Amino acid sequence: MSKNAFEGTGNFPFPVDAVFTWVDGFDPEWRREKKVRAEALSRERGCEPSTESTDDARFRDNDELRFAFRSLHMYAPWIRRVHLVTANQKPGWLNTGAVNLVSHADIFPDRNMLPVFSTRPIELCVHRIPGLAEHFLYFNDDFLLGRPLQPGHFFQPDGMPIVWAVRQSKARLEREKRKTTHSTHTLAILNACAAVREKYGCEFPYRMRHFPKAMTVTTANEVWQQFPEEVERTLGNPFRSPGDISITALYPLYLLATGKGRVRVVNGVRQIVDALCGGVYHMGASLGDPNMEKKLKNIKILRPRTFCINDSIAASERDRTLLCETMLSLFPMPSPFETQE
């Protein structure tokens, strides 16, 4: 495939929206609802949600969203509209005149499913935002842009989504499947792979990491139609569960299995070529990782097109301070998405 198919900078014949999900995990009312929901689930199912699914690190706000919005304004000004999906919450600094604030109740098919404390069912529903453009990019709140991007990095001119993917060896994939214990995060990915394999008889040597996902409303609806049992099961789990499917894995695999998406490898040799020819596509770091400081320095030096900085149970206050300092150095100027204080 030609370079232009991936990196076209011409006038695209369709608008592109951006969707972010965010939660304030230290909101007292939200924490009360989380506790009540966990206790009710324990009574109903005879088991408590796992520590992995309820730990504060999964819901902590390190102000990443503010800087994610700054990066979007700097490097993707062609985005038509920004939508922020929350649990009836709002960052104190948010300019609601510039961002469409969306409640979970606006997008879930049944409000009786709420409240939920897992990204899995929320991500399944983001394409149901009223007024959402047919073509959109889905971001977690800790996804940021590091240099100018164009619609052609995510969509072909005919509208077909481009699937960013990490190529993995067959041996590594087999080792992963043979493991006897997995996190609920890994299980949700493996469940997605198994669903596509069972339905379409194909398997791909790719994994979808933490970078923006190019999506269309039409094909997201198709996923619901093609995998109704997996969708219903995941929507019914208010906390992360071993039976979940991850839409951020299932959706791109569906695109590849049906020929409705085109793959763009972002690691290995391709990453080296990208570094020499205009910028690495993606880099990641995790708070609490021994190599975190080095990774943050590399992000500042290389300015990848996108990067993600995960929180973790192992994160220290020093890690959070370093994160804030790095973000301020990269994105010092407020964006129109912030109130003028």
Protein backbone atom coordinates (compact mmCIF):
# COMPACT_ATOMS: atom_id res chain seq x y z
CA MET A 1 0.00 0.00 0.00
CA SER A 2 1.27 3.45 -0.87
CA LYS A 3 2.42 5.88 1.73
CA ASN A 4 -0.25 8.36 0.63
CA ALA A 5 -3.00 5.89 1.48
CA PHE A 6 -1.91 6.15 5.10
CA GLU A 7 -0.63 9.68 5.31
CA GLY A 8 -2.77 11.62 2.86
CA THR A 9 -3.09 15.27 3.80
CA GLY A 10 -5.65 16.31 1.22
CA ASN A 11 -9.17 17.54 1.88
CA PHE A 12 -11.13 14.59 3.17
CA PRO A 13 -14.73 14.36 1.93
CA PHE A 14 -16.14 13.64 5.41
CA PRO A 15 -15.94 15.08 8.93
CA VAL A 16 -14.18 13.25 11.78
CA ASP A 17 -15.15 13.52 15.45
CA ALA A 18 -13.17 12.60 18.56
CA VAL A 19 -14.63 10.65 21.49
CA PHE A 20 -12.99 10.50 24.92
CA THR A 21 -14.00 8.55 28.02
CA TRP A 22 -13.14 9.90 31.47
CA VAL A 23 -13.98 9.39 35.12
CA ASP A 24 -13.18 11.21 38.34
CA GLY A 25 -12.42 8.25 40.56
CA PHE A 26 -12.27 10.38 43.72
CA ASP A 27 -15.71 11.93 43.39
CA PRO A 28 -17.42 10.99 46.72
CA GLU A 29 -20.81 10.27 45.12
CA TRP A 30 -19.23 8.11 42.41
CA ARG A 31 -17.24 6.19 45.04
CA ARG A 32 -20.41 5.63 47.07
CA GLU A 33 -22.20 4.24 44.00
CA LYS A 34 -19.21 2.02 43.24
CA LYS A 35 -19.28 0.56 46.75
CA VAL A 36 -23.04 -0.04 46.65
CA ARG A 37 -22.80 -1.65 43.20
CA ALA A 38 -19.96 -3.95 44.29
CA GLU A 39 -21.89 -5.07 47.38
CA ALA A 40 -25.03 -5.73 45.33
CA LEU A 41 -23.05 -7.72 42.78
CA SER A 42 -21.51 -9.78 45.57
CA ARG A 43 -24.98 -10.67 46.87
CA GLU A 44 -26.33 -11.46 43.38
CA ARG A 45 -23.44 -13.56 42.09
CA GLY A 46 -21.85 -14.82 45.27
CA CYS A 47 -18.46 -13.27 44.54
CA GLU A 48 -16.89 -9.85 44.86
CA PRO A 49 -15.33 -7.95 41.92
CA SER A 50 -11.61 -8.59 41.64
CA THR A 51 -9.12 -6.16 43.14
CA GLU A 52 -7.79 -5.63 39.62
CA SER A 53 -11.18 -4.25 38.55
CA THR A 54 -11.75 -1.99 41.57
CA ASP A 55 -8.30 -0.58 42.41
CA ASP A 56 -8.11 3.22 42.60
CA ALA A 57 -5.35 3.34 39.97
CA ARG A 58 -7.88 2.28 37.35
CA PHE A 59 -10.01 5.37 38.01
CA ARG A 60 -7.52 8.01 39.20
CA ASP A 61 -7.50 11.35 37.40
CA ASN A 62 -3.95 12.65 36.91
CA ASP A 63 -5.16 15.55 34.74
CA GLU A 64 -4.20 13.62 31.60
CA LEU A 65 -7.44 14.64 29.88
CA ARG A 66 -6.59 18.33 30.04
CA PHE A 67 -3.30 17.68 28.24
CA ALA A 68 -4.91 15.22 25.82
CA PHE A 69 -7.29 18.00 24.77
CA ARG A 70 -4.38 20.42 24.43
CA SER A 71 -2.57 17.94 22.19
CA LEU A 72 -5.70 17.47 20.08
CA HIS A 73 -6.06 21.22 19.59
CA MET A 74 -2.38 21.55 18.65
CA TYR A 75 -2.02 18.60 16.32
CA ALA A 76 -5.48 17.67 14.99
CA PRO A 77 -7.39 20.96 14.52
CA TRP A 78 -9.40 19.30 11.74
CA ILE A 79 -11.48 17.37 14.29
CA ARG A 80 -15.08 18.52 13.82
CA ARG A 81 -16.39 17.97 17.34
CA VAL A 82 -15.11 16.54 20.62
CA HIS A 83 -17.37 14.34 22.76
CA LEU A 84 -16.57 13.50 26.38
CA VAL A 85 -18.36 10.46 27.84
CA THR A 86 -18.63 10.49 31.65
CA ALA A 87 -20.65 9.15 34.57
CA ASN A 88 -22.56 12.44 34.97
CA GLN A 89 -19.30 14.14 35.91
CA LYS A 90 -17.37 17.11 34.54
CA PRO A 91 -13.76 18.22 34.96
CA GLY A 92 -13.76 21.56 36.77
CA TRP A 93 -11.72 23.17 34.02
CA LEU A 94 -13.88 21.96 31.10
CA ASN A 95 -15.40 24.45 28.66
CA THR A 96 -18.72 22.77 27.95
CA GLY A 97 -19.34 25.22 25.15
CA ALA A 98 -16.51 23.60 23.19
CA VAL A 99 -17.04 19.95 24.21
CA ASN A 100 -20.17 17.82 23.97
CA LEU A 101 -20.60 16.30 27.44
CA VAL A 102 -22.24 12.87 27.17
CA SER A 103 -23.69 10.82 30.04
CA HIS A 104 -23.55 7.02 30.11
CA ALA A 105 -27.34 7.15 30.25
CA ASP A 106 -27.34 8.84 26.81
CA ILE A 107 -25.68 5.90 25.11
CA PHE A 108 -26.59 2.69 26.97
CA PRO A 109 -29.47 0.68 25.47
CA ASP A 110 -30.92 0.09 28.94
CA ARG A 111 -30.45 2.53 31.82
CA ASN A 112 -31.04 -0.33 34.27
CA MET A 113 -27.50 -1.49 33.37
CA LEU A 114 -26.08 1.60 35.06
CA PRO A 115 -23.99 2.51 36.91
CA VAL A 116 -20.98 0.68 35.49
CA PHE A 117 -17.36 0.82 36.65
CA SER A 118 -15.67 -0.88 33.72
CA THR A 119 -14.54 0.64 30.45
CA ARG A 120 -15.66 -2.47 28.54
CA PRO A 121 -19.42 -1.76 28.38
CA ILE A 122 -18.82 1.99 28.02
CA GLU A 123 -16.54 1.50 25.02
CA LEU A 124 -19.12 -0.80 23.46
CA CYS A 125 -21.59 2.09 23.46
CA VAL A 126 -19.58 5.13 22.35
CA HIS A 127 -20.80 4.85 18.76
CA ARG A 128 -24.34 5.48 20.05
CA ILE A 129 -23.62 9.13 20.95
CA PRO A 130 -26.43 11.29 19.48
CA GLY A 131 -25.11 13.45 16.66
CA LEU A 132 -21.79 11.62 16.39
CA ALA A 133 -20.10 11.84 12.98
CA GLU A 134 -20.05 8.62 10.96
CA HIS A 135 -16.24 8.65 11.17
CA PHE A 136 -14.68 9.15 14.58
CA LEU A 137 -11.57 8.50 16.64
CA TYR A 138 -11.91 6.84 20.04
CA PHE A 139 -9.47 7.94 22.76
CA ASN A 140 -8.91 6.95 26.37
CA ASP A 141 -8.22 10.00 28.53
CA ASP A 142 -4.49 9.20 28.65
CA PHE A 143 -4.00 9.09 24.86
CA LEU A 144 -2.08 12.12 23.59
CA LEU A 145 -0.75 13.40 20.27
CA GLY A 146 2.90 14.32 19.91
CA ARG A 147 3.06 15.89 16.45
CA PRO A 148 0.73 17.02 13.63
CA LEU A 149 -1.62 14.37 12.29
CA GLN A 150 -4.04 14.25 9.38
CA PRO A 151 -7.30 12.35 8.78
CA GLY A 152 -5.31 10.18 6.36
CA HIS A 153 -3.38 8.66 9.24
CA PHE A 154 -6.64 7.09 10.41
CA PHE A 155 -8.94 6.78 7.40
CA GLN A 156 -8.55 6.19 3.70
CA PRO A 157 -10.16 8.78 1.42
CA ASP A 158 -12.99 6.31 0.72
CA GLY A 159 -13.77 6.26 4.45
CA MET A 160 -12.27 2.88 5.30
CA PRO A 161 -10.71 2.87 8.81
CA ILE A 162 -6.99 2.19 9.12
CA VAL A 163 -6.20 -0.34 11.84
CA TRP A 164 -3.02 0.49 13.71
CA ALA A 165 -1.57 -2.78 14.96
CA VAL A 166 1.45 -4.32 16.64
CA ARG A 167 2.68 -7.37 14.78
CA GLN A 168 3.51 -10.33 17.02
CA SER A 169 5.18 -13.62 16.17
CA LYS A 170 3.08 -16.77 15.99
CA ALA A 171 5.21 -18.32 18.74
CA ARG A 172 4.46 -15.44 21.09
CA LEU A 173 0.75 -15.62 20.38
CA GLU A 174 0.74 -19.36 21.07
CA ARG A 175 2.61 -18.87 24.35
CA GLU A 176 0.02 -16.35 25.42
CA LYS A 177 -2.83 -18.73 24.68
CA ARG A 178 -1.16 -21.53 26.65
CA LYS A 179 -0.86 -19.47 29.83
CA THR A 180 -3.06 -20.75 32.62
CA THR A 181 -3.66 -17.38 34.30
CA HIS A 182 -4.52 -14.05 32.69
CA SER A 183 -5.60 -10.62 33.82
CA THR A 184 -9.16 -9.63 32.94
CA HIS A 185 -7.61 -7.17 30.48
CA THR A 186 -5.82 -9.96 28.61
CA LEU A 187 -8.86 -12.23 28.80
CA ALA A 188 -11.05 -9.59 27.16
CA ILE A 189 -8.59 -9.44 24.25
CA LEU A 190 -8.31 -13.23 23.98
CA ASN A 191 -12.11 -13.50 24.06
CA ALA A 192 -12.31 -11.05 21.16
CA CYS A 193 -9.75 -13.06 19.18
CA ALA A 194 -11.66 -16.28 19.87
CA ALA A 195 -14.97 -14.74 18.77
CA VAL A 196 -13.52 -13.62 15.43
CA ARG A 197 -11.78 -16.96 14.94
CA GLU A 198 -14.99 -18.88 15.57
CA LYS A 199 -17.16 -16.71 13.34
CA TYR A 200 -14.80 -16.05 10.44
CA GLY A 201 -12.24 -18.84 10.73
CA CYS A 202 -9.31 -16.46 10.68
CA GLU A 203 -6.64 -15.30 13.07
CA PHE A 204 -4.29 -12.37 12.75
CA PRO A 205 -0.73 -11.91 14.07
CA TYR A 206 -1.64 -8.51 15.50
CA ARG A 207 -2.42 -6.97 18.86
CA MET A 208 -4.12 -3.61 19.35
CA ARG A 209 -2.32 -1.52 21.93
CA HIS A 210 -3.26 1.72 23.66
CA PHE A 211 -3.56 4.11 20.76
CA PRO A 212 -6.52 5.95 19.15
CA LYS A 213 -8.96 3.72 17.27
CA ALA A 214 -10.41 4.82 13.92
CA MET A 215 -14.07 3.79 13.84
CA THR A 216 -17.30 4.29 11.93
CA VAL A 217 -20.78 4.22 13.39
CA THR A 218 -21.94 1.79 10.70
CA THR A 219 -19.31 -0.87 11.34
CA ALA A 220 -19.60 -0.48 15.12
CA ASN A 221 -23.31 -1.26 14.76
CA GLU A 222 -22.38 -4.28 12.66
CA VAL A 223 -20.24 -5.63 15.50
CA TRP A 224 -23.30 -5.55 17.76
CA GLN A 225 -25.26 -7.44 15.11
CA GLN A 226 -22.57 -10.05 14.46
CA PHE A 227 -21.62 -10.71 18.10
CA PRO A 228 -24.85 -10.21 20.08
CA GLU A 229 -24.04 -12.71 22.85
CA GLU A 230 -20.60 -11.25 23.54
CA VAL A 231 -21.99 -7.71 23.53
CA GLU A 232 -24.90 -8.56 25.84
CA ARG A 233 -22.63 -10.41 28.27
CA THR A 234 -20.19 -7.52 28.48
CA LEU A 235 -22.91 -4.90 28.85
CA GLY A 236 -24.19 -6.88 31.83
CA ASN A 237 -20.90 -6.72 33.75
CA PRO A 238 -20.62 -3.50 35.79
CA PHE A 239 -17.04 -4.43 36.78
CA ARG A 240 -14.34 -6.09 34.70
CA SER A 241 -15.10 -9.78 34.33
CA PRO A 242 -13.32 -12.79 32.76
CA GLY A 243 -16.20 -13.19 30.29
CA ASP A 244 -15.92 -9.69 28.80
CA ILE A 245 -14.89 -8.88 25.28
CA SER A 246 -12.82 -5.80 24.51
CA ILE A 247 -14.35 -3.74 21.70
CA THR A 248 -10.96 -2.09 21.16
CA ALA A 249 -9.72 -5.56 20.11
CA LEU A 250 -12.92 -7.02 18.64
CA TYR A 251 -13.71 -4.05 16.43
CA PRO A 252 -10.39 -3.82 14.53
CA LEU A 253 -10.27 -7.62 14.17
CA TYR A 254 -13.78 -7.53 12.72
CA LEU A 255 -12.65 -4.89 10.21
CA LEU A 256 -9.74 -7.06 9.10
CA ALA A 257 -11.79 -10.26 8.97
CA THR A 258 -14.44 -8.64 6.75
CA GLY A 259 -12.11 -6.55 4.60
CA LYS A 260 -13.65 -3.32 5.92
CA GLY A 261 -10.38 -2.02 7.34
CA ARG A 262 -6.72 -1.84 6.32
CA VAL A 263 -3.87 -2.69 8.69
CA ARG A 264 -0.99 -0.36 9.45
CA VAL A 265 1.81 -2.00 11.46
CA VAL A 266 3.43 0.43 13.92
CA ASN A 267 6.22 -1.65 15.47
CA GLY A 268 9.34 -3.58 14.44
CA VAL A 269 11.10 -2.55 11.26
CA ARG A 270 8.22 -0.29 10.38
CA GLN A 271 8.80 1.71 13.56
CA ILE A 272 12.43 2.28 12.59
CA VAL A 273 11.39 3.42 9.11
CA ASP A 274 8.78 5.73 10.61
CA ALA A 275 11.37 7.28 12.93
CA LEU A 276 13.54 8.09 9.92
CA CYS A 277 10.70 9.27 7.68
CA GLY A 278 8.53 11.55 9.76
CA GLY A 279 7.91 10.19 13.20
CA VAL A 280 7.23 7.06 15.25
CA TYR A 281 3.53 6.26 15.27
CA HIS A 282 3.18 5.30 18.93
CA MET A 283 5.03 5.00 22.23
CA GLY A 284 3.81 4.01 25.66
CA ALA A 285 4.85 4.38 29.30
CA SER A 286 3.40 3.33 32.64
CA LEU A 287 3.64 5.12 35.96
CA GLY A 288 5.54 2.91 38.39
CA ASP A 289 7.56 1.25 35.65
CA PRO A 290 11.32 1.28 36.45
CA ASN A 291 11.92 2.63 32.93
CA MET A 292 9.21 5.28 33.12
CA GLU A 293 11.52 8.28 33.43
CA LYS A 294 13.58 7.10 30.45
CA LYS A 295 10.43 6.51 28.41
CA LEU A 296 9.10 9.98 29.19
CA LYS A 297 12.41 11.48 28.06
CA ASN A 298 12.21 9.47 24.83
CA ILE A 299 8.69 10.73 24.23
CA LYS A 300 9.90 14.33 24.65
CA ILE A 301 12.80 13.74 22.26
CA LEU A 302 11.09 11.65 19.58
CA ARG A 303 7.66 13.29 19.69
CA PRO A 304 5.73 10.21 18.50
CA ARG A 305 2.51 10.80 16.61
CA THR A 306 0.62 9.35 19.56
CA PHE A 307 1.57 8.21 23.04
CA CYS A 308 -0.12 6.78 26.11
CA ILE A 309 0.87 7.04 29.76
CA ASN A 310 -0.88 4.45 31.91
CA ASP A 311 -1.48 4.72 35.62
CA SER A 312 -0.70 1.70 37.81
CA ILE A 313 -0.89 0.39 41.34
CA ALA A 314 2.90 0.77 41.61
CA ALA A 315 2.86 4.52 40.81
CA SER A 316 4.39 6.89 43.37
CA GLU A 317 3.79 10.59 43.99
CA ARG A 318 7.14 11.27 42.38
CA ASP A 319 5.91 9.47 39.25
CA ARG A 320 2.84 11.69 39.16
CA THR A 321 4.93 14.82 39.65
CA LEU A 322 7.20 13.78 36.80
CA LEU A 323 4.15 13.11 34.62
CA CYS A 324 2.78 16.58 35.32
CA GLU A 325 6.13 18.24 34.60
CA THR A 326 6.45 16.35 31.32
CA MET A 327 2.93 17.25 30.20
CA LEU A 328 3.43 20.92 31.05
CA SER A 329 6.65 21.01 29.05
CA LEU A 330 4.97 19.45 26.03
CA PHE A 331 1.65 21.30 26.23
CA PRO A 332 2.11 24.56 28.17
CA MET A 333 -0.71 26.55 26.56
CA PRO A 334 -4.39 26.16 27.51
CA SER A 335 -6.74 24.97 24.76
CA PRO A 336 -10.20 26.25 23.80
CA PHE A 337 -11.56 23.18 25.59
CA GLU A 338 -10.59 24.78 28.94
CA THR A 339 -12.38 27.57 30.74
CA GLN A 340 -10.53 30.89 30.86
CA GLU A 341 -9.53 31.11 34.52
